[in-house]
PDB file of N, CA and C in Angstrom:
ATOM      1  N   UNK A   1      20.356  28.855  19.484  1.00  0.00           N
ATOM      2  CA  UNK A   1      18.793  28.219  20.123  1.00  0.00           C
ATOM      3  C   UNK A   1      19.034  26.683  20.214  1.00  0.00           C
ATOM      4  N   UNK A   2      18.343  26.077  21.861  1.00  0.00           N
ATOM      5  CA  UNK A   2      18.784  24.992  21.704  1.00  0.00           C
ATOM      6  C   UNK A   2      18.742  23.817  20.922  1.00  0.00           C
ATOM      7  N   UNK A   3      19.818  22.986  20.363  1.00  0.00           N
ATOM      8  CA  UNK A   3      19.157  21.872  19.830  1.00  0.00           C
ATOM      9  C   UNK A   3      17.700  20.996  19.707  1.00  0.00           C
ATOM     10  N   UNK A   4      17.337  20.487  20.923  1.00  0.00           N
ATOM     11  CA  UNK A   4      15.780  19.820  21.058  1.00  0.00           C
ATOM     12  C   UNK A   4      15.307  20.754  20.531  1.00  0.00           C
ATOM     13  N   UNK A   5      14.995  22.412  20.836  1.00  0.00           N
ATOM     14  CA  UNK A   5      14.166  23.165  21.023  1.00  0.00           C
ATOM     15  C   UNK A   5      13.754  22.755  18.879  1.00  0.00           C
ATOM     16  N   UNK A   6      14.920  23.484  18.516  1.00  0.00           N
ATOM     17  CA  UNK A   6      15.519  23.636  17.076  1.00  0.00           C
ATOM     18  C   UNK A   6      14.401  22.380  16.418  1.00  0.00           C
ATOM     19  N   UNK A   7      14.660  21.409  16.980  1.00  0.00           N
ATOM     20  CA  UNK A   7      14.156  20.077  16.080  1.00  0.00           C
ATOM     21  C   UNK A   7      13.114  19.883  16.556  1.00  0.00           C
ATOM     22  N   UNK A   8      12.616  20.295  17.656  1.00  0.00           N
ATOM     23  CA  UNK A   8      10.829  20.356  17.789  1.00  0.00           C
ATOM     24  C   UNK A   8      10.283  21.230  16.566  1.00  0.00           C
ATOM     25  N   UNK A   9      11.183  22.203  16.280  1.00  0.00           N
ATOM     26  CA  UNK A   9      10.366  23.534  15.524  1.00  0.00           C
ATOM     27  C   UNK A   9      10.502  23.308  14.478  1.00  0.00           C
ATOM     28  N   UNK A  10      11.358  22.465  13.579  1.00  0.00           N
ATOM     29  CA  UNK A  10      11.153  21.831  12.877  1.00  0.00           C
ATOM     30  C   UNK A  10      10.402  20.813  12.263  1.00  0.00           C
ATOM     31  N   UNK A  11      10.398  19.972  13.142  1.00  0.00           N
ATOM     32  CA  UNK A  11       9.007  18.703  13.318  1.00  0.00           C
ATOM     33  C   UNK A  11       7.888  19.414  13.102  1.00  0.00           C
ATOM     34  N   UNK A  12       7.222  20.442  14.154  1.00  0.00           N
ATOM     35  CA  UNK A  12       5.935  21.242  14.073  1.00  0.00           C
ATOM     36  C   UNK A  12       5.788  21.607  12.075  1.00  0.00           C
ATOM     37  N   UNK A  13       7.001  22.353  11.967  1.00  0.00           N
ATOM     38  CA  UNK A  13       6.255  23.024  10.694  1.00  0.00           C
ATOM     39  C   UNK A  13       6.546  22.107   9.217  1.00  0.00           C
ATOM     40  N   UNK A  14       7.443  21.190   9.555  1.00  0.00           N
ATOM     41  CA  UNK A  14       6.947  20.231   8.770  1.00  0.00           C
ATOM     42  C   UNK A  14       5.771  19.433   8.772  1.00  0.00           C
ATOM     43  N   UNK A  15       4.972  19.460  10.200  1.00  0.00           N
ATOM     44  CA  UNK A  15       3.512  18.404   9.850  1.00  0.00           C
ATOM     45  C   UNK A  15       2.740  20.151   9.342  1.00  0.00           C
ATOM     46  N   UNK A  16       3.411  20.969  10.390  1.00  0.00           N
ATOM     47  CA  UNK A  16       2.305  22.483   9.149  1.00  0.00           C
ATOM     48  C   UNK A  16       2.073  22.347   8.262  1.00  0.00           C
ATOM     49  N   UNK A  17       2.994  21.907   7.801  1.00  0.00           N
ATOM     50  CA  UNK A  17       3.130  21.911   5.895  1.00  0.00           C
ATOM     51  C   UNK A  17       2.874  21.056   5.131  1.00  0.00           C
ATOM     52  N   UNK A  18       2.589  20.093   6.388  1.00  0.00           N
ATOM     53  CA  UNK A  18       1.970  18.438   5.485  1.00  0.00           C
ATOM     54  C   UNK A  18       0.070  18.559   5.281  1.00  0.00           C
ATOM     55  N   UNK A  19      -0.047  19.531   6.280  1.00  0.00           N
ATOM     56  CA  UNK A  19      -1.577  19.666   6.938  1.00  0.00           C
ATOM     57  C   UNK A  19      -2.597  20.528   6.268  1.00  0.00           C
ATOM     58  N   UNK A  20      -1.303  22.291   5.850  1.00  0.00           N
ATOM     59  CA  UNK A  20      -1.845  22.927   4.533  1.00  0.00           C
ATOM     60  C   UNK A  20      -1.978  22.301   3.201  1.00  0.00           C
ATOM     61  N   UNK A  21      -0.688  21.220   3.000  1.00  0.00           N
ATOM     62  CA  UNK A  21      -1.502  20.457   1.951  1.00  0.00           C
ATOM     63  C   UNK A  21      -2.507  19.621   1.570  1.00  0.00           C
ATOM     64  N   UNK A  22      -2.468  18.991   2.940  1.00  0.00           N
ATOM     65  CA  UNK A  22      -4.294  18.155   2.995  1.00  0.00           C
ATOM     66  C   UNK A  22      -5.289  18.648   2.954  1.00  0.00           C
ATOM     67  N   UNK A  23      -5.172  20.277   3.621  1.00  0.00           N
ATOM     68  CA  UNK A  23      -6.141  21.427   3.655  1.00  0.00           C
ATOM     69  C   UNK A  23      -6.165  22.384   1.915  1.00  0.00           C
ATOM     70  N   UNK A  24      -4.911  21.811   1.482  1.00  0.00           N
ATOM     71  CA  UNK A  24      -5.453  22.552  -0.461  1.00  0.00           C
ATOM     72  C   UNK A  24      -5.785  21.857  -0.901  1.00  0.00           C
ATOM     73  N   UNK A  25      -5.917  20.062  -0.939  1.00  0.00           N
ATOM     74  CA  UNK A  25      -6.248  18.752  -1.342  1.00  0.00           C
ATOM     75  C   UNK A  25      -7.746  19.015  -1.514  1.00  0.00           C
ATOM     76  N   UNK A  26      -7.892  19.193   0.708  1.00  0.00           N
ATOM     77  CA  UNK A  26      -9.688  19.122   0.545  1.00  0.00           C
ATOM     78  C   UNK A  26     -10.344  19.832  -0.194  1.00  0.00           C
ATOM     79  N   UNK A  27      -9.434  21.363  -0.815  1.00  0.00           N
ATOM     80  CA  UNK A  27     -10.456  22.822  -1.194  1.00  0.00           C
ATOM     81  C   UNK A  27     -10.620  21.852  -2.367  1.00  0.00           C
ATOM     82  N   UNK A  28      -9.983  21.149  -3.657  1.00  0.00           N
ATOM     83  CA  UNK A  28      -9.915  20.761  -4.710  1.00  0.00           C
ATOM     84  C   UNK A  28     -10.966  19.606  -4.829  1.00  0.00           C
ATOM     85  N   UNK A  29     -11.146  19.295  -3.810  1.00  0.00           N
ATOM     86  CA  UNK A  29     -12.015  17.903  -3.997  1.00  0.00           C
ATOM     87  C   UNK A  29     -13.903  18.460  -4.024  1.00  0.00           C
ATOM     88  N   UNK A  30     -14.244  18.742  -4.700  1.00  0.00           N
ATOM     89  CA  UNK A  30     -15.911  18.999  -4.733  1.00  0.00           C
ATOM     90  C   UNK A  30     -16.583  17.774  -3.658  1.00  0.00           C
ATOM     91  N   UNK A  31     -17.878  17.663  -3.140  1.00  0.00           N
ATOM     92  CA  UNK A  31     -18.614  16.674  -2.425  1.00  0.00           C
ATOM     93  C   UNK A  31     -19.923  17.482  -2.229  1.00  0.00           C
ATOM     94  N   UNK A  32     -20.860  16.925  -3.019  1.00  0.00           N
ATOM     95  CA  UNK A  32     -22.606  17.447  -2.868  1.00  0.00           C
ATOM     96  C   UNK A  32     -22.375  18.018  -1.898  1.00  0.00           C
ATOM     97  N   UNK A  33     -23.444  19.154  -1.958  1.00  0.00           N
ATOM     98  CA  UNK A  33     -23.779  19.804  -0.584  1.00  0.00           C
ATOM     99  C   UNK A  33     -22.855  20.679  -0.086  1.00  0.00           C
ATOM    100  N   UNK A  34     -21.291  20.546  -0.545  1.00  0.00           N
ATOM    101  CA  UNK A  34     -20.072  21.587  -0.080  1.00  0.00           C
ATOM    102  C   UNK A  34     -20.367  22.923  -1.364  1.00  0.00           C
ATOM    103  N   UNK A  35     -19.104  23.678  -0.573  1.00  0.00           N
ATOM    104  CA  UNK A  35     -18.626  24.883  -1.336  1.00  0.00           C
ATOM    105  C   UNK A  35     -17.470  24.228  -2.836  1.00  0.00           C
ATOM    106  N   UNK A  36     -17.718  23.131  -2.842  1.00  0.00           N
ATOM    107  CA  UNK A  36     -16.453  23.032  -3.647  1.00  0.00           C
ATOM    108  C   UNK A  36     -15.352  22.471  -2.591  1.00  0.00           C
ATOM    109  N   UNK A  37     -15.510  21.560  -1.508  1.00  0.00           N
ATOM    110  CA  UNK A  37     -14.798  21.225  -0.634  1.00  0.00           C
ATOM    111  C   UNK A  37     -14.975  20.294  -0.277  1.00  0.00           C
ATOM    112  N   UNK A  38     -13.728  19.495   1.034  1.00  0.00           N
ATOM    113  CA  UNK A  38     -14.460  18.720   1.597  1.00  0.00           C
ATOM    114  C   UNK A  38     -14.540  19.051   2.955  1.00  0.00           C
ATOM    115  N   UNK A  39     -15.481  19.689   3.552  1.00  0.00           N
ATOM    116  CA  UNK A  39     -15.539  20.548   4.821  1.00  0.00           C
ATOM    117  C   UNK A  39     -15.151  19.886   6.190  1.00  0.00           C
ATOM    118  N   UNK A  40     -15.324  18.677   5.775  1.00  0.00           N
ATOM    119  CA  UNK A  40     -14.661  18.147   7.346  1.00  0.00           C
ATOM    120  C   UNK A  40     -13.330  17.799   7.559  1.00  0.00           C
ATOM    121  N   UNK A  41     -12.420  17.332   6.155  1.00  0.00           N
ATOM    122  CA  UNK A  41     -10.828  17.823   6.138  1.00  0.00           C
ATOM    123  C   UNK A  41     -10.584  19.300   6.456  1.00  0.00           C
ATOM    124  N   UNK A  42     -11.410  20.062   5.928  1.00  0.00           N
ATOM    125  CA  UNK A  42     -10.931  21.986   6.640  1.00  0.00           C
ATOM    126  C   UNK A  42     -11.015  22.094   7.423  1.00  0.00           C
ATOM    127  N   UNK A  43     -11.716  21.841   7.725  1.00  0.00           N
ATOM    128  CA  UNK A  43     -11.921  21.587   9.740  1.00  0.00           C
ATOM    129  C   UNK A  43     -11.189  20.848  11.063  1.00  0.00           C
ATOM    130  N   UNK A  44     -10.819  19.919  10.115  1.00  0.00           N
ATOM    131  CA  UNK A  44     -10.022  18.543  10.670  1.00  0.00           C
ATOM    132  C   UNK A  44      -8.473  19.563  10.430  1.00  0.00           C
ATOM    133  N   UNK A  45      -7.875  20.380   9.178  1.00  0.00           N
ATOM    134  CA  UNK A  45      -7.042  21.110   9.008  1.00  0.00           C
ATOM    135  C   UNK A  45      -6.896  22.107   9.835  1.00  0.00           C
ATOM    136  N   UNK A  46      -8.408  22.638  10.295  1.00  0.00           N
ATOM    137  CA  UNK A  46      -7.646  24.037  10.579  1.00  0.00           C
ATOM    138  C   UNK A  46      -7.425  24.150  11.815  1.00  0.00           C
ATOM    139  N   UNK A  47      -8.030  23.065  12.748  1.00  0.00           N
ATOM    140  CA  UNK A  47      -7.928  22.305  13.871  1.00  0.00           C
ATOM    141  C   UNK A  47      -6.594  22.137  14.627  1.00  0.00           C
ATOM    142  N   UNK A  48      -6.191  21.601  13.956  1.00  0.00           N
ATOM    143  CA  UNK A  48      -4.694  21.324  13.512  1.00  0.00           C
ATOM    144  C   UNK A  48      -3.212  22.012  13.257  1.00  0.00           C
ATOM    145  N   UNK A  49      -4.139  22.914  12.766  1.00  0.00           N
ATOM    146  CA  UNK A  49      -3.223  24.055  12.604  1.00  0.00           C
ATOM    147  C   UNK A  49      -3.437  24.864  13.176  1.00  0.00           C
ATOM    148  N   UNK A  50      -4.070  25.292  14.117  1.00  0.00           N
ATOM    149  CA  UNK A  50      -4.587  26.089  15.206  1.00  0.00           C
ATOM    150  C   UNK A  50      -3.897  25.135  16.535  1.00  0.00           C
ATOM    151  N   UNK A  51      -3.546  24.294  16.631  1.00  0.00           N
ATOM    152  CA  UNK A  51      -2.964  23.407  17.542  1.00  0.00           C
ATOM    153  C   UNK A  51      -1.427  23.527  17.313  1.00  0.00           C
ATOM    154  N   UNK A  52      -1.361  23.323  16.317  1.00  0.00           N
ATOM    155  CA  UNK A  52       0.140  23.317  15.904  1.00  0.00           C
ATOM    156  C   UNK A  52       0.839  24.253  16.066  1.00  0.00           C
ATOM    157  N   UNK A  53       0.219  25.597  16.271  1.00  0.00           N
ATOM    158  CA  UNK A  53       0.361  27.381  15.670  1.00  0.00           C
ATOM    159  C   UNK A  53       1.000  27.129  17.936  1.00  0.00           C
ATOM    160  N   UNK A  54      -0.291  26.862  18.821  1.00  0.00           N
ATOM    161  CA  UNK A  54       0.037  26.672  20.040  1.00  0.00           C
ATOM    162  C   UNK A  54       1.216  25.959  20.403  1.00  0.00           C
ATOM    163  N   UNK A  55       1.512  24.521  19.912  1.00  0.00           N
ATOM    164  CA  UNK A  55       2.927  24.471  20.758  1.00  0.00           C
ATOM    165  C   UNK A  55       3.979  25.145  19.976  1.00  0.00           C
ATOM    166  N   UNK A  56       4.128  25.419  18.884  1.00  0.00           N
ATOM    167  CA  UNK A  56       4.772  26.267  18.196  1.00  0.00           C
ATOM    168  C   UNK A  56       5.436  27.619  19.238  1.00  0.00           C
ATOM    169  N   UNK A  57       4.071  28.461  19.557  1.00  0.00           N
ATOM    170  CA  UNK A  57       4.456  29.624  20.518  1.00  0.00           C
ATOM    171  C   UNK A  57       5.100  29.087  21.989  1.00  0.00           C
ATOM    172  N   UNK A  58       4.256  27.549  22.331  1.00  0.00           N
ATOM    173  CA  UNK A  58       5.047  27.418  23.334  1.00  0.00           C
ATOM    174  C   UNK A  58       6.581  26.942  23.468  1.00  0.00           C
ATOM    175  N   UNK A  59       6.920  26.338  22.229  1.00  0.00           N
ATOM    176  CA  UNK A  59       8.430  26.308  22.019  1.00  0.00           C
ATOM    177  C   UNK A  59       9.323  27.560  22.300  1.00  0.00           C
ATOM    178  N   UNK A  60       8.554  28.619  21.302  1.00  0.00           N
ATOM    179  CA  UNK A  60       8.994  29.751  21.173  1.00  0.00           C
ATOM    180  C   UNK A  60       9.687  30.810  22.598  1.00  0.00           C
ATOM    181  N   UNK A  61       8.118  30.299  24.028  1.00  0.00           N
ATOM    182  CA  UNK A  61       8.247  30.745  24.656  1.00  0.00           C
ATOM    183  C   UNK A  61       9.758  30.741  25.565  1.00  0.00           C
ATOM    184  N   UNK A  62       9.655  29.113  25.401  1.00  0.00           N
ATOM    185  CA  UNK A  62      10.054  27.666  26.358  1.00  0.00           C
ATOM    186  C   UNK A  62      11.470  28.761  26.370  1.00  0.00           C
ATOM    187  N   UNK A  63      11.792  29.000  25.156  1.00  0.00           N
ATOM    188  CA  UNK A  63      13.337  29.104  24.256  1.00  0.00           C
ATOM    189  C   UNK A  63      13.406  30.611  24.915  1.00  0.00           C
ATOM    190  N   UNK A  64      12.266  31.934  25.352  1.00  0.00           N
ATOM    191  CA  UNK A  64      12.795  32.892  25.839  1.00  0.00           C
ATOM    192  C   UNK A  64      13.155  33.135  27.030  1.00  0.00           C
ATOM    193  N   UNK A  65      12.366  32.092  27.647  1.00  0.00           N
ATOM    194  CA  UNK A  65      13.068  32.179  29.216  1.00  0.00           C
ATOM    195  C   UNK A  65      14.416  32.035  29.664  1.00  0.00           C
TER     196      UNK A  65
END
């Protein structure tokens, strides 16, 4: 694998890890009117994880070419 692509994947997976940890933390913060978590933080984390997944797919697709 190209070194630049490898570094980009490392960066993206590192960010995904941080976002997942933030989502887990948000689940543990009960907030009045929610189902036991910070709904806005969970939505934000879900969106960012989807974006990261798309970026990872793009990197892998570029490597396949």
